[in-house]
Amino acid sequence: MLRRVCHKKQPYNNWLKTFTKKAVAIILMVSLIDLQLSYVLAFMGQVQIAESLSSTIASTVVGVMLGYFFKALFETFFEKREERLKQESEPEENTNYEEV
């Protein structure tokens, strides 16, 4: 009996995906800590500084998260599209048959 074995190349940007996830998580955590510090500033009487700091941090978090979400969405969409096109056009390429 023969079994079909596919030798697929690992994605070249696999390390970038995990790096991006880690970087976004770190940015989010630091931003949440900074938001808490702005409340400390407001409690100490520095209301104007706390207001501007909070709005800057919030806009940064929204920008980073939206950028990451769109990157992940398009990346997944195009990966699935590429896989589907490869399956339709070259189903027998990069396959070997092993005896089982």
C-alpha atoms as a PDB file:
ATOM      1  CA  MET A   1       0.000   0.000   0.000  1.00  0.00           C
ATOM      2  CA  LEU A   2       1.291   3.462  -0.853  1.00  0.00           C
ATOM      3  CA  ARG A   3       0.834   6.521   1.271  1.00  0.00           C
ATOM      4  CA  ARG A   4       1.142  10.074  -0.049  1.00  0.00           C
ATOM      5  CA  VAL A   5       3.603  12.251   1.881  1.00  0.00           C
ATOM      6  CA  CYS A   6       3.644  16.006   1.400  1.00  0.00           C
ATOM      7  CA  HIS A   7       6.808  17.951   2.109  1.00  0.00           C
ATOM      8  CA  LYS A   8       5.655  21.488   2.698  1.00  0.00           C
ATOM      9  CA  LYS A   9       8.060  24.321   3.268  1.00  0.00           C
ATOM     10  CA  GLN A  10       7.619  26.090   6.600  1.00  0.00           C
ATOM     11  CA  PRO A  11       6.463  29.700   6.244  1.00  0.00           C
ATOM     12  CA  TYR A  12       9.432  32.026   6.088  1.00  0.00           C
ATOM     13  CA  ASN A  13       7.758  34.592   8.337  1.00  0.00           C
ATOM     14  CA  ASN A  14       6.630  32.221  11.092  1.00  0.00           C
ATOM     15  CA  TRP A  15       9.000  33.870  13.558  1.00  0.00           C
ATOM     16  CA  LEU A  16       7.579  37.285  12.621  1.00  0.00           C
ATOM     17  CA  LYS A  17       4.054  36.183  13.526  1.00  0.00           C
ATOM     18  CA  THR A  18       5.070  35.148  17.010  1.00  0.00           C
ATOM     19  CA  PHE A  19       7.240  38.250  17.415  1.00  0.00           C
ATOM     20  CA  THR A  20       4.338  40.487  16.416  1.00  0.00           C
ATOM     21  CA  LYS A  21       2.013  38.774  18.894  1.00  0.00           C
ATOM     22  CA  LYS A  22       4.551  39.176  21.678  1.00  0.00           C
ATOM     23  CA  ALA A  23       5.256  42.802  20.790  1.00  0.00           C
ATOM     24  CA  VAL A  24       1.551  43.692  20.719  1.00  0.00           C
ATOM     25  CA  ALA A  25       1.004  41.949  24.062  1.00  0.00           C
ATOM     26  CA  ILE A  26       3.907  43.862  25.641  1.00  0.00           C
ATOM     27  CA  ILE A  27       2.693  47.186  24.221  1.00  0.00           C
ATOM     28  CA  LEU A  28      -0.792  46.491  25.555  1.00  0.00           C
ATOM     29  CA  MET A  29       0.458  45.612  29.040  1.00  0.00           C
ATOM     30  CA  VAL A  30       2.726  48.663  29.260  1.00  0.00           C
ATOM     31  CA  SER A  31      -0.096  50.886  28.042  1.00  0.00           C
ATOM     32  CA  LEU A  32      -2.500  49.534  30.655  1.00  0.00           C
ATOM     33  CA  ILE A  33       0.075  50.193  33.385  1.00  0.00           C
ATOM     34  CA  ASP A  34       0.610  53.717  32.054  1.00  0.00           C
ATOM     35  CA  LEU A  35      -3.131  54.334  32.095  1.00  0.00           C
ATOM     36  CA  GLN A  36      -3.186  53.431  35.776  1.00  0.00           C
ATOM     37  CA  LEU A  37      -0.343  55.867  36.404  1.00  0.00           C
ATOM     38  CA  SER A  38      -2.360  58.657  34.817  1.00  0.00           C
ATOM     39  CA  TYR A  39      -5.011  58.087  37.492  1.00  0.00           C
ATOM     40  CA  VAL A  40      -2.287  58.456  40.117  1.00  0.00           C
ATOM     41  CA  LEU A  41      -1.298  61.763  38.536  1.00  0.00           C
ATOM     42  CA  ALA A  42      -4.928  62.924  38.599  1.00  0.00           C
ATOM     43  CA  PHE A  43      -5.188  61.959  42.265  1.00  0.00           C
ATOM     44  CA  MET A  44      -2.052  64.012  42.984  1.00  0.00           C
ATOM     45  CA  GLY A  45      -3.613  67.092  41.392  1.00  0.00           C
ATOM     46  CA  GLN A  46      -1.966  66.978  37.965  1.00  0.00           C
ATOM     47  CA  VAL A  47      -5.267  66.755  36.116  1.00  0.00           C
ATOM     48  CA  GLN A  48      -4.150  68.394  32.855  1.00  0.00           C
ATOM     49  CA  ILE A  49      -1.147  66.111  32.474  1.00  0.00           C
ATOM     50  CA  ALA A  50      -3.215  63.042  33.366  1.00  0.00           C
ATOM     51  CA  GLU A  51      -5.851  63.957  30.762  1.00  0.00           C
ATOM     52  CA  SER A  52      -3.373  64.398  27.925  1.00  0.00           C
ATOM     53  CA  LEU A  53      -1.442  61.287  28.956  1.00  0.00           C
ATOM     54  CA  SER A  54      -4.601  59.163  29.028  1.00  0.00           C
ATOM     55  CA  SER A  55      -5.778  60.337  25.629  1.00  0.00           C
ATOM     56  CA  THR A  56      -2.335  59.767  24.079  1.00  0.00           C
ATOM     57  CA  ILE A  57      -2.057  56.274  25.524  1.00  0.00           C
ATOM     58  CA  ALA A  58      -5.603  55.345  24.488  1.00  0.00           C
ATOM     59  CA  SER A  59      -5.060  56.493  20.909  1.00  0.00           C
ATOM     60  CA  THR A  60      -1.767  54.598  20.760  1.00  0.00           C
ATOM     61  CA  VAL A  61      -3.378  51.403  22.035  1.00  0.00           C
ATOM     62  CA  VAL A  62      -6.252  51.681  19.569  1.00  0.00           C
ATOM     63  CA  GLY A  63      -3.833  52.322  16.699  1.00  0.00           C
ATOM     64  CA  VAL A  64      -1.544  49.423  17.571  1.00  0.00           C
ATOM     65  CA  MET A  65      -4.392  46.978  18.126  1.00  0.00           C
ATOM     66  CA  LEU A  66      -6.223  47.958  14.935  1.00  0.00           C
ATOM     67  CA  GLY A  67      -3.008  47.662  12.957  1.00  0.00           C
ATOM     68  CA  TYR A  68      -2.347  44.213  14.400  1.00  0.00           C
ATOM     69  CA  PHE A  69      -5.912  43.029  13.804  1.00  0.00           C
ATOM     70  CA  PHE A  70      -5.875  44.142  10.170  1.00  0.00           C
ATOM     71  CA  LYS A  71      -2.451  42.568   9.629  1.00  0.00           C
ATOM     72  CA  ALA A  72      -3.650  39.266  11.060  1.00  0.00           C
ATOM     73  CA  LEU A  73      -6.876  39.394   9.048  1.00  0.00           C
ATOM     74  CA  PHE A  74      -5.179  40.015   5.708  1.00  0.00           C
ATOM     75  CA  GLU A  75      -2.371  37.585   6.466  1.00  0.00           C
ATOM     76  CA  THR A  76      -4.816  34.782   7.220  1.00  0.00           C
ATOM     77  CA  PHE A  77      -6.982  35.630   4.226  1.00  0.00           C
ATOM     78  CA  PHE A  78      -4.077  35.549   1.775  1.00  0.00           C
ATOM     79  CA  GLU A  79      -2.565  32.393   3.296  1.00  0.00           C
ATOM     80  CA  LYS A  80      -5.849  30.528   2.891  1.00  0.00           C
ATOM     81  CA  ARG A  81      -6.231  31.874  -0.638  1.00  0.00           C
ATOM     82  CA  GLU A  82      -2.701  30.764  -1.525  1.00  0.00           C
ATOM     83  CA  GLU A  83      -3.315  27.284  -0.093  1.00  0.00           C
ATOM     84  CA  ARG A  84      -6.541  26.952  -2.054  1.00  0.00           C
ATOM     85  CA  LEU A  85      -4.881  28.069  -5.294  1.00  0.00           C
ATOM     86  CA  LYS A  86      -1.990  25.646  -4.779  1.00  0.00           C
ATOM     87  CA  GLN A  87      -4.390  22.765  -4.207  1.00  0.00           C
ATOM     88  CA  GLU A  88      -6.331  23.586  -7.356  1.00  0.00           C
ATOM     89  CA  SER A  89      -3.349  24.117  -9.662  1.00  0.00           C
ATOM     90  CA  GLU A  90      -0.684  21.629  -8.582  1.00  0.00           C
ATOM     91  CA  PRO A  91      -2.089  18.795  -6.490  1.00  0.00           C
ATOM     92  CA  GLU A  92       0.724  16.313  -7.213  1.00  0.00           C
ATOM     93  CA  GLU A  93       3.757  18.604  -6.827  1.00  0.00           C
ATOM     94  CA  ASN A  94       6.089  18.013  -3.842  1.00  0.00           C
ATOM     95  CA  THR A  95       4.583  14.651  -3.014  1.00  0.00           C
ATOM     96  CA  ASN A  96       6.288  11.306  -2.576  1.00  0.00           C
ATOM     97  CA  TYR A  97       4.817   7.913  -2.144  1.00  0.00           C
ATOM     98  CA  GLU A  98       6.019   5.628   0.611  1.00  0.00           C
ATOM     99  CA  GLU A  99       5.335   1.978   0.947  1.00  0.00           C
ATOM    100  CA  VAL A 100       3.396   1.205   4.122  1.00  0.00           C
END
